[in-house]
Each structure stands twice: as structure tokens, then as C-alpha cells.
Amino acid sequence: MAHPKHRHSKERSRKRRTHYKAIVPTTVTCSNCGSPVLLHRVCPECGYYKGKPAIEKTTVA
């Protein structure tokens, strides 16, 4: 391990932690089924994106 010769200030240590921000991801409602969906993602419930079918959803019976 490295052994620093000089002490780091509190300000310098705290600057390392400033880039982390705990935020909740933004969700919107699906235009087709109304379920909550992350922005710019295909709806996992119905498979629609921007009002158009993006993926084929099949039901397992």
C-alpha cells in the first residue's frame, strides 16, 4: 500500500464524492397499456414503443 507523505485536506477528500447522485429513474406511462415504463425503453408488458409494436409478446400457457 502507498503511504502518503502529506495529509489530504477534508475538501480534497470530499471532492471525490461529489459526482455520485442518488436519483430515482424517471418513469412514464405506456401509451398503449398504461403501465409504468422507463424513458426510451420498450414496454415490458405489451412490447410497444412510441405507440408502435416494437417486439412480439407471446404468452406462455
PDB file of N, CA and C in Angstrom:
ATOM      1  N   MET A   1       0.842  -1.190   0.000  1.00  0.00           N
ATOM      2  CA  MET A   1       0.000   0.000   0.000  1.00  0.00           C
ATOM      3  C   MET A   1       0.879   1.242   0.000  1.00  0.00           C
ATOM      4  N   ALA A   2       0.380   2.259  -0.641  1.00  0.00           N
ATOM      5  CA  ALA A   2       1.103   3.525  -0.667  1.00  0.00           C
ATOM      6  C   ALA A   2       0.917   4.260   0.652  1.00  0.00           C
ATOM      7  N   HIS A   3       1.945   4.968   1.072  1.00  0.00           N
ATOM      8  CA  HIS A   3       1.896   5.758   2.304  1.00  0.00           C
ATOM      9  C   HIS A   3       2.103   7.216   1.932  1.00  0.00           C
ATOM     10  N   PRO A   4       1.036   8.044   1.999  1.00  0.00           N
ATOM     11  CA  PRO A   4       1.183   9.440   1.620  1.00  0.00           C
ATOM     12  C   PRO A   4       2.085  10.194   2.593  1.00  0.00           C
ATOM     13  N   LYS A   5       2.903  11.085   2.035  1.00  0.00           N
ATOM     14  CA  LYS A   5       3.798  11.883   2.868  1.00  0.00           C
ATOM     15  C   LYS A   5       3.070  13.059   3.496  1.00  0.00           C
ATOM     16  N   HIS A   6       2.018  13.540   2.815  1.00  0.00           N
ATOM     17  CA  HIS A   6       1.295  14.705   3.302  1.00  0.00           C
ATOM     18  C   HIS A   6      -0.177  14.361   3.471  1.00  0.00           C
ATOM     19  N   ARG A   7      -0.798  15.019   4.411  1.00  0.00           N
ATOM     20  CA  ARG A   7      -2.214  14.791   4.717  1.00  0.00           C
ATOM     21  C   ARG A   7      -3.082  15.443   3.648  1.00  0.00           C
ATOM     22  N   HIS A   8      -4.141  14.748   3.241  1.00  0.00           N
ATOM     23  CA  HIS A   8      -5.101  15.335   2.311  1.00  0.00           C
ATOM     24  C   HIS A   8      -6.121  16.126   3.111  1.00  0.00           C
ATOM     25  N   SER A   9      -6.503  17.281   2.594  1.00  0.00           N
ATOM     26  CA  SER A   9      -7.483  18.118   3.299  1.00  0.00           C
ATOM     27  C   SER A   9      -8.876  17.499   3.222  1.00  0.00           C
ATOM     28  N   LYS A  10      -9.775  17.954   4.079  1.00  0.00           N
ATOM     29  CA  LYS A  10     -11.164  17.479   4.063  1.00  0.00           C
ATOM     30  C   LYS A  10     -11.817  17.820   2.733  1.00  0.00           C
ATOM     31  N   GLU A  11     -11.522  19.007   2.223  1.00  0.00           N
ATOM     32  CA  GLU A  11     -12.115  19.438   0.950  1.00  0.00           C
ATOM     33  C   GLU A  11     -11.694  18.514  -0.182  1.00  0.00           C
ATOM     34  N   ARG A  12     -10.442  18.169  -0.225  1.00  0.00           N
ATOM     35  CA  ARG A  12      -9.945  17.309  -1.291  1.00  0.00           C
ATOM     36  C   ARG A  12     -10.567  15.912  -1.215  1.00  0.00           C
ATOM     37  N   SER A  13     -10.731  15.408   0.000  1.00  0.00           N
ATOM     38  CA  SER A  13     -11.349  14.088   0.169  1.00  0.00           C
ATOM     39  C   SER A  13     -12.812  14.113  -0.236  1.00  0.00           C
ATOM     40  N   ARG A  14     -13.511  15.177   0.108  1.00  0.00           N
ATOM     41  CA  ARG A  14     -14.940  15.272  -0.180  1.00  0.00           C
ATOM     42  C   ARG A  14     -15.222  15.522  -1.655  1.00  0.00           C
ATOM     43  N   LYS A  15     -14.262  16.067  -2.383  1.00  0.00           N
ATOM     44  CA  LYS A  15     -14.458  16.296  -3.817  1.00  0.00           C
ATOM     45  C   LYS A  15     -14.641  14.987  -4.578  1.00  0.00           C
ATOM     46  N   ARG A  16     -14.045  13.930  -4.085  1.00  0.00           N
ATOM     47  CA  ARG A  16     -14.186  12.624  -4.736  1.00  0.00           C
ATOM     48  C   ARG A  16     -15.621  12.136  -4.713  1.00  0.00           C
ATOM     49  N   ARG A  17     -16.374  12.516  -3.705  1.00  0.00           N
ATOM     50  CA  ARG A  17     -17.729  12.010  -3.528  1.00  0.00           C
ATOM     51  C   ARG A  17     -18.802  12.875  -4.179  1.00  0.00           C
ATOM     52  N   THR A  18     -18.435  13.972  -4.820  1.00  0.00           N
ATOM     53  CA  THR A  18     -19.433  14.897  -5.345  1.00  0.00           C
ATOM     54  C   THR A  18     -20.102  14.397  -6.619  1.00  0.00           C
ATOM     55  N   HIS A  19     -19.507  13.453  -7.343  1.00  0.00           N
ATOM     56  CA  HIS A  19     -20.045  13.032  -8.629  1.00  0.00           C
ATOM     57  C   HIS A  19     -21.186  12.030  -8.485  1.00  0.00           C
ATOM     58  N   TYR A  20     -21.303  11.412  -7.326  1.00  0.00           N
ATOM     59  CA  TYR A  20     -22.359  10.426  -7.100  1.00  0.00           C
ATOM     60  C   TYR A  20     -23.650  11.125  -6.701  1.00  0.00           C
ATOM     61  N   LYS A  21     -24.723  10.826  -7.411  1.00  0.00           N
ATOM     62  CA  LYS A  21     -26.027  11.389  -7.078  1.00  0.00           C
ATOM     63  C   LYS A  21     -27.042  10.260  -7.055  1.00  0.00           C
ATOM     64  N   ALA A  22     -27.687  10.083  -5.921  1.00  0.00           N
ATOM     65  CA  ALA A  22     -28.706   9.051  -5.793  1.00  0.00           C
ATOM     66  C   ALA A  22     -30.026   9.616  -6.295  1.00  0.00           C
ATOM     67  N   ILE A  23     -30.411   9.240  -7.516  1.00  0.00           N
ATOM     68  CA  ILE A  23     -31.662   9.713  -8.098  1.00  0.00           C
ATOM     69  C   ILE A  23     -32.509   8.515  -8.506  1.00  0.00           C
ATOM     70  N   VAL A  24     -33.793   8.693  -8.466  1.00  0.00           N
ATOM     71  CA  VAL A  24     -34.727   7.657  -8.879  1.00  0.00           C
ATOM     72  C   VAL A  24     -34.909   7.766 -10.393  1.00  0.00           C
ATOM     73  N   PRO A  25     -34.839   6.661 -11.138  1.00  0.00           N
ATOM     74  CA  PRO A  25     -35.010   6.747 -12.587  1.00  0.00           C
ATOM     75  C   PRO A  25     -36.410   7.247 -12.955  1.00  0.00           C
ATOM     76  N   THR A  26     -36.479   8.071 -13.990  1.00  0.00           N
ATOM     77  CA  THR A  26     -37.739   8.655 -14.428  1.00  0.00           C
ATOM     78  C   THR A  26     -38.571   7.622 -15.169  1.00  0.00           C
ATOM     79  N   THR A  27     -39.821   7.512 -14.790  1.00  0.00           N
ATOM     80  CA  THR A  27     -40.722   6.590 -15.473  1.00  0.00           C
ATOM     81  C   THR A  27     -41.885   7.374 -16.084  1.00  0.00           C
ATOM     82  N   VAL A  28     -42.415   6.848 -17.168  1.00  0.00           N
ATOM     83  CA  VAL A  28     -43.582   7.409 -17.838  1.00  0.00           C
ATOM     84  C   VAL A  28     -44.602   6.295 -17.986  1.00  0.00           C
ATOM     85  N   THR A  29     -45.831   6.650 -18.352  1.00  0.00           N
ATOM     86  CA  THR A  29     -46.843   5.621 -18.573  1.00  0.00           C
ATOM     87  C   THR A  29     -46.841   5.209 -20.041  1.00  0.00           C
ATOM     88  N   CYS A  30     -47.043   3.946 -20.262  1.00  0.00           N
ATOM     89  CA  CYS A  30     -47.088   3.409 -21.622  1.00  0.00           C
ATOM     90  C   CYS A  30     -48.329   3.951 -22.326  1.00  0.00           C
ATOM     91  N   SER A  31     -48.159   4.382 -23.574  1.00  0.00           N
ATOM     92  CA  SER A  31     -49.281   4.943 -24.329  1.00  0.00           C
ATOM     93  C   SER A  31     -50.278   3.862 -24.741  1.00  0.00           C
ATOM     94  N   ASN A  32     -49.845   2.609 -24.747  1.00  0.00           N
ATOM     95  CA  ASN A  32     -50.725   1.522 -25.176  1.00  0.00           C
ATOM     96  C   ASN A  32     -51.469   0.877 -24.000  1.00  0.00           C
ATOM     97  N   CYS A  33     -50.732   0.467 -22.957  1.00  0.00           N
ATOM     98  CA  CYS A  33     -51.376  -0.261 -21.858  1.00  0.00           C
ATOM     99  C   CYS A  33     -51.439   0.516 -20.551  1.00  0.00           C
ATOM    100  N   GLY A  34     -50.674   1.594 -20.414  1.00  0.00           N
ATOM    101  CA  GLY A  34     -50.739   2.423 -19.224  1.00  0.00           C
ATOM    102  C   GLY A  34     -49.840   1.987 -18.076  1.00  0.00           C
ATOM    103  N   SER A  35     -48.994   0.986 -18.274  1.00  0.00           N
ATOM    104  CA  SER A  35     -48.101   0.552 -17.200  1.00  0.00           C
ATOM    105  C   SER A  35     -46.874   1.463 -17.143  1.00  0.00           C
ATOM    106  N   PRO A  36     -46.231   1.584 -15.970  1.00  0.00           N
ATOM    107  CA  PRO A  36     -45.045   2.443 -15.873  1.00  0.00           C
ATOM    108  C   PRO A  36     -43.862   1.836 -16.622  1.00  0.00           C
ATOM    109  N   VAL A  37     -43.149   2.685 -17.397  1.00  0.00           N
ATOM    110  CA  VAL A  37     -42.033   2.251 -18.230  1.00  0.00           C
ATOM    111  C   VAL A  37     -40.904   3.257 -18.071  1.00  0.00           C
ATOM    112  N   LEU A  38     -39.653   2.789 -18.081  1.00  0.00           N
ATOM    113  CA  LEU A  38     -38.509   3.690 -18.075  1.00  0.00           C
ATOM    114  C   LEU A  38     -38.469   4.457 -19.392  1.00  0.00           C
ATOM    115  N   LEU A  39     -37.938   5.684 -19.347  1.00  0.00           N
ATOM    116  CA  LEU A  39     -37.864   6.515 -20.545  1.00  0.00           C
ATOM    117  C   LEU A  39     -37.034   5.839 -21.633  1.00  0.00           C
ATOM    118  N   HIS A  40     -37.450   5.969 -22.864  1.00  0.00           N
ATOM    119  CA  HIS A  40     -36.750   5.460 -24.052  1.00  0.00           C
ATOM    120  C   HIS A  40     -36.529   3.950 -23.999  1.00  0.00           C
ATOM    121  N   ARG A  41     -37.501   3.216 -23.443  1.00  0.00           N
ATOM    122  CA  ARG A  41     -37.421   1.762 -23.391  1.00  0.00           C
ATOM    123  C   ARG A  41     -38.724   1.174 -23.930  1.00  0.00           C
ATOM    124  N   VAL A  42     -38.642  -0.043 -24.429  1.00  0.00           N
ATOM    125  CA  VAL A  42     -39.828  -0.767 -24.878  1.00  0.00           C
ATOM    126  C   VAL A  42     -40.608  -1.204 -23.645  1.00  0.00           C
ATOM    127  N   CYS A  43     -41.913  -1.117 -23.711  1.00  0.00           N
ATOM    128  CA  CYS A  43     -42.761  -1.515 -22.589  1.00  0.00           C
ATOM    129  C   CYS A  43     -42.623  -3.026 -22.366  1.00  0.00           C
ATOM    130  N   PRO A  44     -42.274  -3.458 -21.145  1.00  0.00           N
ATOM    131  CA  PRO A  44     -42.123  -4.892 -20.908  1.00  0.00           C
ATOM    132  C   PRO A  44     -43.457  -5.632 -20.857  1.00  0.00           C
ATOM    133  N   GLU A  45     -44.555  -4.921 -20.664  1.00  0.00           N
ATOM    134  CA  GLU A  45     -45.865  -5.557 -20.573  1.00  0.00           C
ATOM    135  C   GLU A  45     -46.462  -5.861 -21.944  1.00  0.00           C
ATOM    136  N   CYS A  46     -46.453  -4.860 -22.853  1.00  0.00           N
ATOM    137  CA  CYS A  46     -47.122  -5.037 -24.141  1.00  0.00           C
ATOM    138  C   CYS A  46     -46.171  -5.040 -25.342  1.00  0.00           C
ATOM    139  N   GLY A  47     -44.918  -4.588 -25.160  1.00  0.00           N
ATOM    140  CA  GLY A  47     -43.946  -4.605 -26.248  1.00  0.00           C
ATOM    141  C   GLY A  47     -44.029  -3.417 -27.188  1.00  0.00           C
ATOM    142  N   TYR A  48     -44.731  -2.347 -26.784  1.00  0.00           N
ATOM    143  CA  TYR A  48     -44.863  -1.165 -27.635  1.00  0.00           C
ATOM    144  C   TYR A  48     -43.826  -0.110 -27.276  1.00  0.00           C
ATOM    145  N   TYR A  49     -43.420   0.678 -28.281  1.00  0.00           N
ATOM    146  CA  TYR A  49     -42.523   1.815 -28.082  1.00  0.00           C
ATOM    147  C   TYR A  49     -43.000   2.945 -28.983  1.00  0.00           C
ATOM    148  N   LYS A  50     -43.275   4.094 -28.414  1.00  0.00           N
ATOM    149  CA  LYS A  50     -43.777   5.268 -29.137  1.00  0.00           C
ATOM    150  C   LYS A  50     -45.048   4.953 -29.917  1.00  0.00           C
ATOM    151  N   GLY A  51     -45.940   4.155 -29.343  1.00  0.00           N
ATOM    152  CA  GLY A  51     -47.220   3.858 -29.965  1.00  0.00           C
ATOM    153  C   GLY A  51     -47.181   2.820 -31.058  1.00  0.00           C
ATOM    154  N   LYS A  52     -46.018   2.203 -31.291  1.00  0.00           N
ATOM    155  CA  LYS A  52     -45.894   1.190 -32.338  1.00  0.00           C
ATOM    156  C   LYS A  52     -45.387  -0.107 -31.725  1.00  0.00           C
ATOM    157  N   PRO A  53     -45.807  -1.249 -32.259  1.00  0.00           N
ATOM    158  CA  PRO A  53     -45.286  -2.521 -31.723  1.00  0.00           C
ATOM    159  C   PRO A  53     -43.808  -2.656 -32.048  1.00  0.00           C
ATOM    160  N   ALA A  54     -42.989  -2.867 -31.024  1.00  0.00           N
ATOM    161  CA  ALA A  54     -41.550  -2.990 -31.217  1.00  0.00           C
ATOM    162  C   ALA A  54     -41.092  -4.445 -31.153  1.00  0.00           C
ATOM    163  N   ILE A  55     -41.690  -5.211 -30.230  1.00  0.00           N
ATOM    164  CA  ILE A  55     -41.351  -6.630 -30.111  1.00  0.00           C
ATOM    165  C   ILE A  55     -42.636  -7.429 -29.994  1.00  0.00           C
ATOM    166  N   GLU A  56     -42.558  -8.660 -30.421  1.00  0.00           N
ATOM    167  CA  GLU A  56     -43.717  -9.555 -30.365  1.00  0.00           C
ATOM    168  C   GLU A  56     -43.762 -10.193 -28.984  1.00  0.00           C
ATOM    169  N   LYS A  57     -44.844  -9.956 -28.239  1.00  0.00           N
ATOM    170  CA  LYS A  57     -45.001 -10.544 -26.918  1.00  0.00           C
ATOM    171  C   LYS A  57     -45.838 -11.809 -27.048  1.00  0.00           C
ATOM    172  N   THR A  58     -45.332 -12.922 -26.497  1.00  0.00           N
ATOM    173  CA  THR A  58     -46.068 -14.176 -26.517  1.00  0.00           C
ATOM    174  C   THR A  58     -46.391 -14.562 -25.076  1.00  0.00           C
ATOM    175  N   THR A  59     -47.528 -15.202 -24.900  1.00  0.00           N
ATOM    176  CA  THR A  59     -47.917 -15.665 -23.577  1.00  0.00           C
ATOM    177  C   THR A  59     -47.598 -17.132 -23.451  1.00  0.00           C
ATOM    178  N   VAL A  60     -47.075 -17.523 -22.290  1.00  0.00           N
ATOM    179  CA  VAL A  60     -46.742 -18.911 -22.026  1.00  0.00           C
ATOM    180  C   VAL A  60     -47.926 -19.539 -21.308  1.00  0.00           C
ATOM    181  N   ALA A  61     -48.486 -20.589 -21.901  1.00  0.00           N
ATOM    182  CA  ALA A  61     -49.654 -21.234 -21.305  1.00  0.00           C
ATOM    183  C   ALA A  61     -49.378 -22.664 -20.949  1.00  0.00           C
TER     184      ALA A  61
END
